[in-house]
Amino acid sequence: MSRKNAGRARRRAEIILQVRSGQMTVSQAARALGVSHKTYYQWEKRGLQALMESLENREPGRPSIPKPDPEKIRLEKKVSDLEKRLEMMAEVFDLREMLSDLRESDQTKKNTRGKKKR
């Protein structure tokens, strides 16, 4: 979070705490923050939820690294294989078009040579 955003968040938190402690009304808080009552209440709800989540008990130590999901690995491999197959099929399609163009070109040349000039 940038310093500017951190400062704004701190100001919002201070005002929310003032409202919760009865030192300020919601109307005063909304006016001080330059927002509507609805926005103030949304910020208050988000802030209080974040506070509650941060105070929940956690396991000591570093969080464990989640084990790779075998289904995700299988699907990623399948996507990779299908992308390779699609690329190969696109190349086959391009080659077939080129071959068709060459055949048409050869046929045109044969037809042109076969005509006698008068």
PDB file of N, CA and C in Angstrom:
ATOM      1  N   MET A   1       0.856  -1.166   0.000  1.00  0.00           N
ATOM      2  CA  MET A   1       0.000   0.000   0.000  1.00  0.00           C
ATOM      3  C   MET A   1       0.903   1.229   0.000  1.00  0.00           C
ATOM      4  N   SER A   2       0.598   2.205  -0.833  1.00  0.00           N
ATOM      5  CA  SER A   2       1.402   3.426  -0.895  1.00  0.00           C
ATOM      6  C   SER A   2       1.191   4.250   0.372  1.00  0.00           C
ATOM      7  N   ARG A   3       2.104   5.174   0.608  1.00  0.00           N
ATOM      8  CA  ARG A   3       1.989   6.027   1.801  1.00  0.00           C
ATOM      9  C   ARG A   3       0.694   6.831   1.774  1.00  0.00           C
ATOM     10  N   LYS A   4       0.361   7.297   0.573  1.00  0.00           N
ATOM     11  CA  LYS A   4      -0.850   8.108   0.428  1.00  0.00           C
ATOM     12  C   LYS A   4      -2.086   7.286   0.810  1.00  0.00           C
ATOM     13  N   ASN A   5      -2.163   6.059   0.273  1.00  0.00           N
ATOM     14  CA  ASN A   5      -3.304   5.188   0.588  1.00  0.00           C
ATOM     15  C   ASN A   5      -3.297   4.772   2.053  1.00  0.00           C
ATOM     16  N   ALA A   6      -2.107   4.528   2.601  1.00  0.00           N
ATOM     17  CA  ALA A   6      -2.012   4.152   4.015  1.00  0.00           C
ATOM     18  C   ALA A   6      -2.504   5.296   4.897  1.00  0.00           C
ATOM     19  N   GLY A   7      -2.172   6.515   4.522  1.00  0.00           N
ATOM     20  CA  GLY A   7      -2.639   7.679   5.280  1.00  0.00           C
ATOM     21  C   GLY A   7      -4.146   7.819   5.232  1.00  0.00           C
ATOM     22  N   ARG A   8      -4.712   7.572   4.062  1.00  0.00           N
ATOM     23  CA  ARG A   8      -6.176   7.643   3.918  1.00  0.00           C
ATOM     24  C   ARG A   8      -6.847   6.556   4.755  1.00  0.00           C
ATOM     25  N   ALA A   9      -6.280   5.355   4.693  1.00  0.00           N
ATOM     26  CA  ALA A   9      -6.857   4.241   5.449  1.00  0.00           C
ATOM     27  C   ALA A   9      -6.776   4.522   6.950  1.00  0.00           C
ATOM     28  N   ARG A  10      -5.657   5.074   7.393  1.00  0.00           N
ATOM     29  CA  ARG A  10      -5.496   5.402   8.814  1.00  0.00           C
ATOM     30  C   ARG A  10      -6.547   6.432   9.238  1.00  0.00           C
ATOM     31  N   ARG A  11      -6.748   7.446   8.403  1.00  0.00           N
ATOM     32  CA  ARG A  11      -7.736   8.491   8.714  1.00  0.00           C
ATOM     33  C   ARG A  11      -9.132   7.880   8.811  1.00  0.00           C
ATOM     34  N   ARG A  12      -9.465   7.016   7.863  1.00  0.00           N
ATOM     35  CA  ARG A  12     -10.777   6.358   7.895  1.00  0.00           C
ATOM     36  C   ARG A  12     -10.924   5.537   9.177  1.00  0.00           C
ATOM     37  N   ALA A  13      -9.875   4.791   9.528  1.00  0.00           N
ATOM     38  CA  ALA A  13      -9.923   3.957  10.736  1.00  0.00           C
ATOM     39  C   ALA A  13     -10.117   4.813  11.979  1.00  0.00           C
ATOM     40  N   GLU A  14      -9.399   5.922  12.051  1.00  0.00           N
ATOM     41  CA  GLU A  14      -9.535   6.816  13.211  1.00  0.00           C
ATOM     42  C   GLU A  14     -10.966   7.333  13.340  1.00  0.00           C
ATOM     43  N   ILE A  15     -11.533   7.739  12.212  1.00  0.00           N
ATOM     44  CA  ILE A  15     -12.899   8.282  12.238  1.00  0.00           C
ATOM     45  C   ILE A  15     -13.903   7.187  12.590  1.00  0.00           C
ATOM     46  N   ILE A  16     -13.714   5.995  12.033  1.00  0.00           N
ATOM     47  CA  ILE A  16     -14.620   4.882  12.356  1.00  0.00           C
ATOM     48  C   ILE A  16     -14.569   4.589  13.854  1.00  0.00           C
ATOM     49  N   LEU A  17     -13.373   4.583  14.429  1.00  0.00           N
ATOM     50  CA  LEU A  17     -13.249   4.338  15.872  1.00  0.00           C
ATOM     51  C   LEU A  17     -13.907   5.448  16.689  1.00  0.00           C
ATOM     52  N   GLN A  18     -13.823   6.680  16.206  1.00  0.00           N
ATOM     53  CA  GLN A  18     -14.481   7.792  16.908  1.00  0.00           C
ATOM     54  C   GLN A  18     -15.999   7.621  16.888  1.00  0.00           C
ATOM     55  N   VAL A  19     -16.519   7.172  15.739  1.00  0.00           N
ATOM     56  CA  VAL A  19     -17.967   6.940  15.649  1.00  0.00           C
ATOM     57  C   VAL A  19     -18.357   5.799  16.582  1.00  0.00           C
ATOM     58  N   ARG A  20     -17.598   4.707  16.550  1.00  0.00           N
ATOM     59  CA  ARG A  20     -17.920   3.536  17.370  1.00  0.00           C
ATOM     60  C   ARG A  20     -17.842   3.842  18.866  1.00  0.00           C
ATOM     61  N   SER A  21     -16.980   4.789  19.231  1.00  0.00           N
ATOM     62  CA  SER A  21     -16.839   5.133  20.655  1.00  0.00           C
ATOM     63  C   SER A  21     -17.779   6.264  21.076  1.00  0.00           C
ATOM     64  N   GLY A  22     -18.579   6.764  20.135  1.00  0.00           N
ATOM     65  CA  GLY A  22     -19.559   7.789  20.462  1.00  0.00           C
ATOM     66  C   GLY A  22     -19.011   9.205  20.453  1.00  0.00           C
ATOM     67  N   GLN A  23     -17.782   9.390  19.992  1.00  0.00           N
ATOM     68  CA  GLN A  23     -17.187  10.727  19.949  1.00  0.00           C
ATOM     69  C   GLN A  23     -17.643  11.523  18.732  1.00  0.00           C
ATOM     70  N   MET A  24     -18.226  10.825  17.755  1.00  0.00           N
ATOM     71  CA  MET A  24     -18.620  11.479  16.503  1.00  0.00           C
ATOM     72  C   MET A  24     -19.854  10.761  15.972  1.00  0.00           C
ATOM     73  N   THR A  25     -20.708  11.486  15.265  1.00  0.00           N
ATOM     74  CA  THR A  25     -21.882  10.855  14.645  1.00  0.00           C
ATOM     75  C   THR A  25     -21.512  10.382  13.244  1.00  0.00           C
ATOM     76  N   VAL A  26     -22.353   9.517  12.701  1.00  0.00           N
ATOM     77  CA  VAL A  26     -22.135   9.034  11.333  1.00  0.00           C
ATOM     78  C   VAL A  26     -22.190  10.203  10.360  1.00  0.00           C
ATOM     79  N   SER A  27     -23.106  11.124  10.564  1.00  0.00           N
ATOM     80  CA  SER A  27     -23.206  12.294   9.679  1.00  0.00           C
ATOM     81  C   SER A  27     -21.914  13.101   9.705  1.00  0.00           C
ATOM     82  N   GLN A  28     -21.380  13.317  10.900  1.00  0.00           N
ATOM     83  CA  GLN A  28     -20.121  14.060  11.008  1.00  0.00           C
ATOM     84  C   GLN A  28     -18.982  13.294  10.332  1.00  0.00           C
ATOM     85  N   ALA A  29     -18.960  11.985  10.531  1.00  0.00           N
ATOM     86  CA  ALA A  29     -17.903  11.160   9.941  1.00  0.00           C
ATOM     87  C   ALA A  29     -17.980  11.195   8.418  1.00  0.00           C
ATOM     88  N   ALA A  30     -19.177  11.028   7.886  1.00  0.00           N
ATOM     89  CA  ALA A  30     -19.350  11.042   6.428  1.00  0.00           C
ATOM     90  C   ALA A  30     -18.923  12.389   5.863  1.00  0.00           C
ATOM     91  N   ARG A  31     -19.296  13.457   6.543  1.00  0.00           N
ATOM     92  CA  ARG A  31     -18.919  14.803   6.099  1.00  0.00           C
ATOM     93  C   ARG A  31     -17.395  14.965   6.147  1.00  0.00           C
ATOM     94  N   ALA A  32     -16.779  14.508   7.235  1.00  0.00           N
ATOM     95  CA  ALA A  32     -15.323  14.636   7.394  1.00  0.00           C
ATOM     96  C   ALA A  32     -14.576  13.851   6.321  1.00  0.00           C
ATOM     97  N   LEU A  33     -15.147  12.726   5.917  1.00  0.00           N
ATOM     98  CA  LEU A  33     -14.508  11.892   4.891  1.00  0.00           C
ATOM     99  C   LEU A  33     -14.933  12.288   3.482  1.00  0.00           C
ATOM    100  N   GLY A  34     -15.949  13.126   3.373  1.00  0.00           N
ATOM    101  CA  GLY A  34     -16.416  13.564   2.057  1.00  0.00           C
ATOM    102  C   GLY A  34     -17.152  12.483   1.298  1.00  0.00           C
ATOM    103  N   VAL A  35     -17.899  11.647   2.034  1.00  0.00           N
ATOM    104  CA  VAL A  35     -18.629  10.545   1.398  1.00  0.00           C
ATOM    105  C   VAL A  35     -20.062  10.518   1.908  1.00  0.00           C
ATOM    106  N   SER A  36     -20.868   9.672   1.287  1.00  0.00           N
ATOM    107  CA  SER A  36     -22.256   9.507   1.724  1.00  0.00           C
ATOM    108  C   SER A  36     -22.304   8.604   2.960  1.00  0.00           C
ATOM    109  N   HIS A  37     -23.472   8.600   3.601  1.00  0.00           N
ATOM    110  CA  HIS A  37     -23.672   7.704   4.746  1.00  0.00           C
ATOM    111  C   HIS A  37     -23.458   6.248   4.320  1.00  0.00           C
ATOM    112  N   LYS A  38     -23.987   5.917   3.149  1.00  0.00           N
ATOM    113  CA  LYS A  38     -23.893   4.542   2.652  1.00  0.00           C
ATOM    114  C   LYS A  38     -22.432   4.124   2.502  1.00  0.00           C
ATOM    115  N   THR A  39     -21.614   4.994   1.895  1.00  0.00           N
ATOM    116  CA  THR A  39     -20.196   4.675   1.717  1.00  0.00           C
ATOM    117  C   THR A  39     -19.508   4.546   3.071  1.00  0.00           C
ATOM    118  N   TYR A  40     -19.842   5.436   4.001  1.00  0.00           N
ATOM    119  CA  TYR A  40     -19.248   5.341   5.339  1.00  0.00           C
ATOM    120  C   TYR A  40     -19.549   3.968   5.944  1.00  0.00           C
ATOM    121  N   TYR A  41     -20.818   3.547   5.886  1.00  0.00           N
ATOM    122  CA  TYR A  41     -21.197   2.267   6.482  1.00  0.00           C
ATOM    123  C   TYR A  41     -20.492   1.096   5.786  1.00  0.00           C
ATOM    124  N   GLN A  42     -20.294   1.194   4.469  1.00  0.00           N
ATOM    125  CA  GLN A  42     -19.568   0.139   3.753  1.00  0.00           C
ATOM    126  C   GLN A  42     -18.126   0.064   4.251  1.00  0.00           C
ATOM    127  N   TRP A  43     -17.482   1.229   4.389  1.00  0.00           N
ATOM    128  CA  TRP A  43     -16.106   1.256   4.887  1.00  0.00           C
ATOM    129  C   TRP A  43     -16.038   0.723   6.312  1.00  0.00           C
ATOM    130  N   GLU A  44     -17.001   1.112   7.131  1.00  0.00           N
ATOM    131  CA  GLU A  44     -17.015   0.655   8.520  1.00  0.00           C
ATOM    132  C   GLU A  44     -17.135  -0.867   8.566  1.00  0.00           C
ATOM    133  N   LYS A  45     -18.048  -1.413   7.790  1.00  0.00           N
ATOM    134  CA  LYS A  45     -18.253  -2.864   7.767  1.00  0.00           C
ATOM    135  C   LYS A  45     -16.985  -3.581   7.316  1.00  0.00           C
ATOM    136  N   ARG A  46     -16.368  -3.103   6.218  1.00  0.00           N
ATOM    137  CA  ARG A  46     -15.130  -3.723   5.728  1.00  0.00           C
ATOM    138  C   ARG A  46     -14.026  -3.647   6.770  1.00  0.00           C
ATOM    139  N   GLY A  47     -13.901  -2.486   7.397  1.00  0.00           N
ATOM    140  CA  GLY A  47     -12.848  -2.303   8.394  1.00  0.00           C
ATOM    141  C   GLY A  47     -13.032  -3.202   9.595  1.00  0.00           C
ATOM    142  N   LEU A  48     -14.256  -3.313  10.085  1.00  0.00           N
ATOM    143  CA  LEU A  48     -14.515  -4.163  11.245  1.00  0.00           C
ATOM    144  C   LEU A  48     -14.346  -5.646  10.907  1.00  0.00           C
ATOM    145  N   GLN A  49     -14.723  -6.035   9.684  1.00  0.00           N
ATOM    146  CA  GLN A  49     -14.517  -7.427   9.263  1.00  0.00           C
ATOM    147  C   GLN A  49     -13.027  -7.744   9.196  1.00  0.00           C
ATOM    148  N   ALA A  50     -12.244  -6.824   8.642  1.00  0.00           N
ATOM    149  CA  ALA A  50     -10.797  -7.038   8.555  1.00  0.00           C
ATOM    150  C   ALA A  50     -10.183  -7.125   9.948  1.00  0.00           C
ATOM    151  N   LEU A  51     -10.666  -6.308  10.858  1.00  0.00           N
ATOM    152  CA  LEU A  51     -10.179  -6.339  12.236  1.00  0.00           C
ATOM    153  C   LEU A  51     -10.468  -7.697  12.866  1.00  0.00           C
ATOM    154  N   MET A  52     -11.675  -8.191  12.696  1.00  0.00           N
ATOM    155  CA  MET A  52     -12.046  -9.493  13.261  1.00  0.00           C
ATOM    156  C   MET A  52     -11.200 -10.617  12.668  1.00  0.00           C
ATOM    157  N   GLU A  53     -11.003 -10.592  11.354  1.00  0.00           N
ATOM    158  CA  GLU A  53     -10.204 -11.632  10.701  1.00  0.00           C
ATOM    159  C   GLU A  53      -8.764 -11.602  11.190  1.00  0.00           C
ATOM    160  N   SER A  54      -8.232 -10.407  11.399  1.00  0.00           N
ATOM    161  CA  SER A  54      -6.836 -10.305  11.831  1.00  0.00           C
ATOM    162  C   SER A  54      -6.651 -10.772  13.272  1.00  0.00           C
ATOM    163  N   LEU A  55      -7.727 -10.827  14.062  1.00  0.00           N
ATOM    164  CA  LEU A  55      -7.630 -11.243  15.457  1.00  0.00           C
ATOM    165  C   LEU A  55      -7.957 -12.721  15.678  1.00  0.00           C
ATOM    166  N   GLU A  56      -8.295 -13.434  14.605  1.00  0.00           N
ATOM    167  CA  GLU A  56      -8.590 -14.863  14.740  1.00  0.00           C
ATOM    168  C   GLU A  56      -7.312 -15.615  15.089  1.00  0.00           C
ATOM    169  N   ASN A  57      -7.461 -16.714  15.864  1.00  0.00           N
ATOM    170  CA  ASN A  57      -6.307 -17.544  16.202  1.00  0.00           C
ATOM    171  C   ASN A  57      -5.767 -18.204  14.944  1.00  0.00           C
ATOM    172  N   ARG A  58      -4.446 -18.282  14.904  1.00  0.00           N
ATOM    173  CA  ARG A  58      -3.780 -18.927  13.765  1.00  0.00           C
ATOM    174  C   ARG A  58      -2.775 -19.925  14.298  1.00  0.00           C
ATOM    175  N   GLU A  59      -2.417 -20.857  13.458  1.00  0.00           N
ATOM    176  CA  GLU A  59      -1.387 -21.822  13.816  1.00  0.00           C
ATOM    177  C   GLU A  59      -0.060 -21.090  13.962  1.00  0.00           C
ATOM    178  N   PRO A  60       0.758 -21.479  14.946  1.00  0.00           N
ATOM    179  CA  PRO A  60       2.058 -20.817  15.090  1.00  0.00           C
ATOM    180  C   PRO A  60       2.985 -21.176  13.930  1.00  0.00           C
ATOM    181  N   GLY A  61       3.923 -20.307  13.661  1.00  0.00           N
ATOM    182  CA  GLY A  61       4.898 -20.550  12.598  1.00  0.00           C
ATOM    183  C   GLY A  61       4.410 -20.068  11.250  1.00  0.00           C
ATOM    184  N   ARG A  62       5.219 -20.387  10.277  1.00  0.00           N
ATOM    185  CA  ARG A  62       4.878 -19.986   8.906  1.00  0.00           C
ATOM    186  C   ARG A  62       3.710 -20.807   8.386  1.00  0.00           C
ATOM    187  N   PRO A  63       2.913 -20.193   7.547  1.00  0.00           N
ATOM    188  CA  PRO A  63       1.828 -20.983   6.947  1.00  0.00           C
ATOM    189  C   PRO A  63       2.414 -22.055   6.034  1.00  0.00           C
ATOM    190  N   SER A  64       1.785 -23.205   6.036  1.00  0.00           N
ATOM    191  CA  SER A  64       2.292 -24.289   5.196  1.00  0.00           C
ATOM    192  C   SER A  64       2.049 -23.964   3.727  1.00  0.00           C
ATOM    193  N   ILE A  65       2.927 -24.490   2.907  1.00  0.00           N
ATOM    194  CA  ILE A  65       2.781 -24.308   1.459  1.00  0.00           C
ATOM    195  C   ILE A  65       1.738 -25.314   0.989  1.00  0.00           C
ATOM    196  N   PRO A  66       0.705 -24.839   0.324  1.00  0.00           N
ATOM    197  CA  PRO A  66      -0.334 -25.772  -0.106  1.00  0.00           C
ATOM    198  C   PRO A  66       0.226 -26.789  -1.099  1.00  0.00           C
ATOM    199  N   LYS A  67      -0.238 -28.023  -0.951  1.00  0.00           N
ATOM    200  CA  LYS A  67       0.191 -29.078  -1.867  1.00  0.00           C
ATOM    201  C   LYS A  67      -0.452 -28.828  -3.223  1.00  0.00           C
ATOM    202  N   PRO A  68       0.295 -29.142  -4.284  1.00  0.00           N
ATOM    203  CA  PRO A  68      -0.287 -28.932  -5.619  1.00  0.00           C
ATOM    204  C   PRO A  68      -1.520 -29.817  -5.806  1.00  0.00           C
ATOM    205  N   ASP A  69      -2.523 -29.248  -6.394  1.00  0.00           N
ATOM    206  CA  ASP A  69      -3.767 -29.959  -6.654  1.00  0.00           C
ATOM    207  C   ASP A  69      -3.565 -30.866  -7.866  1.00  0.00           C
ATOM    208  N   PRO A  70      -3.676 -32.195  -7.679  1.00  0.00           N
ATOM    209  CA  PRO A  70      -3.436 -33.110  -8.806  1.00  0.00           C
ATOM    210  C   PRO A  70      -4.382 -32.860  -9.978  1.00  0.00           C
ATOM    211  N   GLU A  71      -5.618 -32.490  -9.683  1.00  0.00           N
ATOM    212  CA  GLU A  71      -6.581 -32.216 -10.758  1.00  0.00           C
ATOM    213  C   GLU A  71      -6.143 -30.998 -11.562  1.00  0.00           C
ATOM    214  N   LYS A  72      -5.656 -29.979 -10.867  1.00  0.00           N
ATOM    215  CA  LYS A  72      -5.187 -28.770 -11.547  1.00  0.00           C
ATOM    216  C   LYS A  72      -3.986 -29.101 -12.428  1.00  0.00           C
ATOM    217  N   ILE A  73      -3.054 -29.892 -11.896  1.00  0.00           N
ATOM    218  CA  ILE A  73      -1.872 -30.285 -12.671  1.00  0.00           C
ATOM    219  C   ILE A  73      -2.294 -31.064 -13.911  1.00  0.00           C
ATOM    220  N   ARG A  74      -3.233 -32.006 -13.729  1.00  0.00           N
ATOM    221  CA  ARG A  74      -3.706 -32.811 -14.860  1.00  0.00           C
ATOM    222  C   ARG A  74      -4.349 -31.922 -15.924  1.00  0.00           C
ATOM    223  N   LEU A  75      -5.177 -30.972 -15.478  1.00  0.00           N
ATOM    224  CA  LEU A  75      -5.856 -30.095 -16.432  1.00  0.00           C
ATOM    225  C   LEU A  75      -4.877 -29.158 -17.134  1.00  0.00           C
ATOM    226  N   GLU A  76      -3.870 -28.661 -16.401  1.00  0.00           N
ATOM    227  CA  GLU A  76      -2.865 -27.798 -17.028  1.00  0.00           C
ATOM    228  C   GLU A  76      -2.096 -28.560 -18.100  1.00  0.00           C
ATOM    229  N   LYS A  77      -1.757 -29.836 -17.822  1.00  0.00           N
ATOM    230  CA  LYS A  77      -1.055 -30.651 -18.814  1.00  0.00           C
ATOM    231  C   LYS A  77      -1.947 -30.891 -20.029  1.00  0.00           C
ATOM    232  N   LYS A  78      -3.226 -31.164 -19.766  1.00  0.00           N
ATOM    233  CA  LYS A  78      -4.158 -31.399 -20.871  1.00  0.00           C
ATOM    234  C   LYS A  78      -4.293 -30.147 -21.737  1.00  0.00           C
ATOM    235  N   VAL A  79      -4.400 -28.980 -21.104  1.00  0.00           N
ATOM    236  CA  VAL A  79      -4.486 -27.721 -21.850  1.00  0.00           C
ATOM    237  C   VAL A  79      -3.234 -27.536 -22.694  1.00  0.00           C
ATOM    238  N   SER A  80      -2.064 -27.795 -22.093  1.00  0.00           N
ATOM    239  CA  SER A  80      -0.805 -27.650 -22.824  1.00  0.00           C
ATOM    240  C   SER A  80      -0.766 -28.593 -24.028  1.00  0.00           C
ATOM    241  N   ASP A  81      -1.166 -29.856 -23.803  1.00  0.00           N
ATOM    242  CA  ASP A  81      -1.184 -30.831 -24.901  1.00  0.00           C
ATOM    243  C   ASP A  81      -2.154 -30.405 -26.001  1.00  0.00           C
ATOM    244  N   LEU A  82      -3.323 -29.917 -25.607  1.00  0.00           N
ATOM    245  CA  LEU A  82      -4.309 -29.488 -26.600  1.00  0.00           C
ATOM    246  C   LEU A  82      -3.842 -28.251 -27.368  1.00  0.00           C
ATOM    247  N   GLU A  83      -3.137 -27.345 -26.681  1.00  0.00           N
ATOM    248  CA  GLU A  83      -2.595 -26.170 -27.369  1.00  0.00           C
ATOM    249  C   GLU A  83      -1.560 -26.590 -28.404  1.00  0.00           C
ATOM    250  N   LYS A  84      -0.698 -27.553 -28.043  1.00  0.00           N
ATOM    251  CA  LYS A  84       0.303 -28.056 -28.994  1.00  0.00           C
ATOM    252  C   LYS A  84      -0.387 -28.718 -30.181  1.00  0.00           C
ATOM    253  N   ARG A  85      -1.416 -29.511 -29.882  1.00  0.00           N
ATOM    254  CA  ARG A  85      -2.142 -30.197 -30.951  1.00  0.00           C
ATOM    255  C   ARG A  85      -2.832 -29.195 -31.873  1.00  0.00           C
ATOM    256  N   LEU A  86      -3.429 -28.163 -31.290  1.00  0.00           N
ATOM    257  CA  LEU A  86      -4.088 -27.130 -32.081  1.00  0.00           C
ATOM    258  C   LEU A  86      -3.082 -26.418 -32.982  1.00  0.00           C
ATOM    259  N   GLU A  87      -1.920 -26.115 -32.439  1.00  0.00           N
ATOM    260  CA  GLU A  87      -0.881 -25.454 -33.231  1.00  0.00           C
ATOM    261  C   GLU A  87      -0.447 -26.353 -34.390  1.00  0.00           C
ATOM    262  N   MET A  88      -0.288 -27.653 -34.106  1.00  0.00           N
ATOM    263  CA  MET A  88       0.111 -28.590 -35.147  1.00  0.00           C
ATOM    264  C   MET A  88      -0.976 -28.691 -36.222  1.00  0.00           C
ATOM    265  N   MET A  89      -2.240 -28.729 -35.804  1.00  0.00           N
ATOM    266  CA  MET A  89      -3.334 -28.814 -36.772  1.00  0.00           C
ATOM    267  C   MET A  89      -3.409 -27.551 -37.636  1.00  0.00           C
ATOM    268  N   ALA A  90      -3.109 -26.408 -37.045  1.00  0.00           N
ATOM    269  CA  ALA A  90      -3.096 -25.161 -37.815  1.00  0.00           C
ATOM    270  C   ALA A  90      -1.994 -25.214 -38.868  1.00  0.00           C
ATOM    271  N   GLU A  91      -0.835 -25.778 -38.498  1.00  0.00           N
ATOM    272  CA  GLU A  91       0.255 -25.909 -39.465  1.00  0.00           C
ATOM    273  C   GLU A  91      -0.121 -26.883 -40.575  1.00  0.00           C
ATOM    274  N   VAL A  92      -0.780 -27.985 -40.215  1.00  0.00           N
ATOM    275  CA  VAL A  92      -1.233 -28.956 -41.221  1.00  0.00           C
ATOM    276  C   VAL A  92      -2.224 -28.280 -42.170  1.00  0.00           C
ATOM    277  N   PHE A  93      -3.135 -27.502 -41.631  1.00  0.00           N
ATOM    278  CA  PHE A  93      -4.110 -26.787 -42.449  1.00  0.00           C
ATOM    279  C   PHE A  93      -3.401 -25.845 -43.423  1.00  0.00           C
ATOM    280  N   ASP A  94      -2.416 -25.089 -42.913  1.00  0.00           N
ATOM    281  CA  ASP A  94      -1.666 -24.173 -43.775  1.00  0.00           C
ATOM    282  C   ASP A  94      -0.940 -24.930 -44.876  1.00  0.00           C
ATOM    283  N   LEU A  95      -0.336 -26.070 -44.529  1.00  0.00           N
ATOM    284  CA  LEU A  95       0.371 -26.874 -45.533  1.00  0.00           C
ATOM    285  C   LEU A  95      -0.597 -27.410 -46.586  1.00  0.00           C
ATOM    286  N   ARG A  96      -1.766 -27.843 -46.167  1.00  0.00           N
ATOM    287  CA  ARG A  96      -2.759 -28.345 -47.120  1.00  0.00           C
ATOM    288  C   ARG A  96      -3.217 -27.235 -48.063  1.00  0.00           C
ATOM    289  N   GLU A  97      -3.390 -26.037 -47.532  1.00  0.00           N
ATOM    290  CA  GLU A  97      -3.767 -24.904 -48.385  1.00  0.00           C
ATOM    291  C   GLU A  97      -2.669 -24.610 -49.398  1.00  0.00           C
ATOM    292  N   MET A  98      -1.422 -24.635 -48.936  1.00  0.00           N
ATOM    293  CA  MET A  98      -0.298 -24.373 -49.841  1.00  0.00           C
ATOM    294  C   MET A  98      -0.232 -25.446 -50.926  1.00  0.00           C
ATOM    295  N   LEU A  99      -0.427 -26.708 -50.537  1.00  0.00           N
ATOM    296  CA  LEU A  99      -0.403 -27.811 -51.493  1.00  0.00           C
ATOM    297  C   LEU A  99      -1.535 -27.663 -52.504  1.00  0.00           C
ATOM    298  N   SER A 100      -2.697 -27.283 -52.044  1.00  0.00           N
ATOM    299  CA  SER A 100      -3.836 -27.074 -52.935  1.00  0.00           C
ATOM    300  C   SER A 100      -3.541 -25.943 -53.920  1.00  0.00           C
ATOM    301  N   ASP A 101      -2.951 -24.860 -53.423  1.00  0.00           N
ATOM    302  CA  ASP A 101      -2.591 -23.738 -54.294  1.00  0.00           C
ATOM    303  C   ASP A 101      -1.572 -24.168 -55.341  1.00  0.00           C
ATOM    304  N   LEU A 102      -0.600 -24.989 -54.924  1.00  0.00           N
ATOM    305  CA  LEU A 102       0.407 -25.478 -55.875  1.00  0.00           C
ATOM    306  C   LEU A 102      -0.233 -26.351 -56.947  1.00  0.00           C
ATOM    307  N   ARG A 103      -1.151 -27.218 -56.543  1.00  0.00           N
ATOM    308  CA  ARG A 103      -1.825 -28.087 -57.513  1.00  0.00           C
ATOM    309  C   ARG A 103      -2.625 -27.262 -58.513  1.00  0.00           C
ATOM    310  N   GLU A 104      -3.323 -26.243 -58.008  1.00  0.00           N
ATOM    311  CA  GLU A 104      -4.091 -25.370 -58.897  1.00  0.00           C
ATOM    312  C   GLU A 104      -3.162 -24.634 -59.848  1.00  0.00           C
ATOM    313  N   SER A 105      -2.029 -24.194 -59.344  1.00  0.00           N
ATOM    314  CA  SER A 105      -1.056 -23.481 -60.165  1.00  0.00           C
ATOM    315  C   SER A 105      -0.500 -24.403 -61.249  1.00  0.00           C
ATOM    316  N   ASP A 106      -0.163 -25.654 -60.866  1.00  0.00           N
ATOM    317  CA  ASP A 106       0.341 -26.624 -61.844  1.00  0.00           C
ATOM    318  C   ASP A 106      -0.713 -26.928 -62.899  1.00  0.00           C
ATOM    319  N   GLN A 107      -1.956 -27.070 -62.476  1.00  0.00           N
ATOM    320  CA  GLN A 107      -3.045 -27.364 -63.409  1.00  0.00           C
ATOM    321  C   GLN A 107      -3.223 -26.216 -64.396  1.00  0.00           C
ATOM    322  N   THR A 108      -3.115 -24.988 -63.914  1.00  0.00           N
ATOM    323  CA  THR A 108      -3.244 -23.815 -64.775  1.00  0.00           C
ATOM    324  C   THR A 108      -2.117 -23.794 -65.796  1.00  0.00           C
ATOM    325  N   LYS A 109      -0.900 -24.122 -65.357  1.00  0.00           N
ATOM    326  CA  LYS A 109       0.245 -24.142 -66.275  1.00  0.00           C
ATOM    327  C   LYS A 109       0.053 -25.212 -67.344  1.00  0.00           C
ATOM    328  N   LYS A 110      -0.441 -26.398 -66.952  1.00  0.00           N
ATOM    329  CA  LYS A 110      -0.653 -27.481 -67.907  1.00  0.00           C
ATOM    330  C   LYS A 110      -1.703 -27.082 -68.933  1.00  0.00           C
ATOM    331  N   ASN A 111      -2.756 -26.451 -68.468  1.00  0.00           N
ATOM    332  CA  ASN A 111      -3.821 -26.025 -69.374  1.00  0.00           C
ATOM    333  C   ASN A 111      -3.314 -24.953 -70.334  1.00  0.00           C
ATOM    334  N   THR A 112      -2.445 -24.075 -69.867  1.00  0.00           N
ATOM    335  CA  THR A 112      -1.922 -23.006 -70.703  1.00  0.00           C
ATOM    336  C   THR A 112      -0.972 -23.583 -71.747  1.00  0.00           C
ATOM    337  N   ARG A 113      -0.159 -24.557 -71.392  1.00  0.00           N
ATOM    338  CA  ARG A 113       0.794 -25.178 -72.324  1.00  0.00           C
ATOM    339  C   ARG A 113       0.075 -26.022 -73.367  1.00  0.00           C
ATOM    340  N   GLY A 114      -1.003 -26.630 -72.952  1.00  0.00           N
ATOM    341  CA  GLY A 114      -1.719 -27.530 -73.846  1.00  0.00           C
ATOM    342  C   GLY A 114      -2.427 -26.810 -74.981  1.00  0.00           C
ATOM    343  N   LYS A 115      -2.705 -25.545 -74.848  1.00  0.00           N
ATOM    344  CA  LYS A 115      -3.384 -24.792 -75.893  1.00  0.00           C
ATOM    345  C   LYS A 115      -2.379 -24.442 -76.980  1.00  0.00           C
ATOM    346  N   LYS A 116      -2.773 -24.643 -78.218  1.00  0.00           N
ATOM    347  CA  LYS A 116      -1.892 -24.321 -79.345  1.00  0.00           C
ATOM    348  C   LYS A 116      -2.111 -22.890 -79.769  1.00  0.00           C
ATOM    349  N   LYS A 117      -1.008 -22.258 -80.115  1.00  0.00           N
ATOM    350  CA  LYS A 117      -1.105 -20.892 -80.600  1.00  0.00           C
ATOM    351  C   LYS A 117      -1.354 -20.929 -82.093  1.00  0.00           C
ATOM    352  N   ARG A 118      -2.151 -20.043 -82.623  1.00  0.00           N
ATOM    353  CA  ARG A 118      -2.435 -20.000 -84.051  1.00  0.00           C
ATOM    354  C   ARG A 118      -1.834 -18.811 -84.695  1.00  0.00           C
TER     355      ARG A 118
END
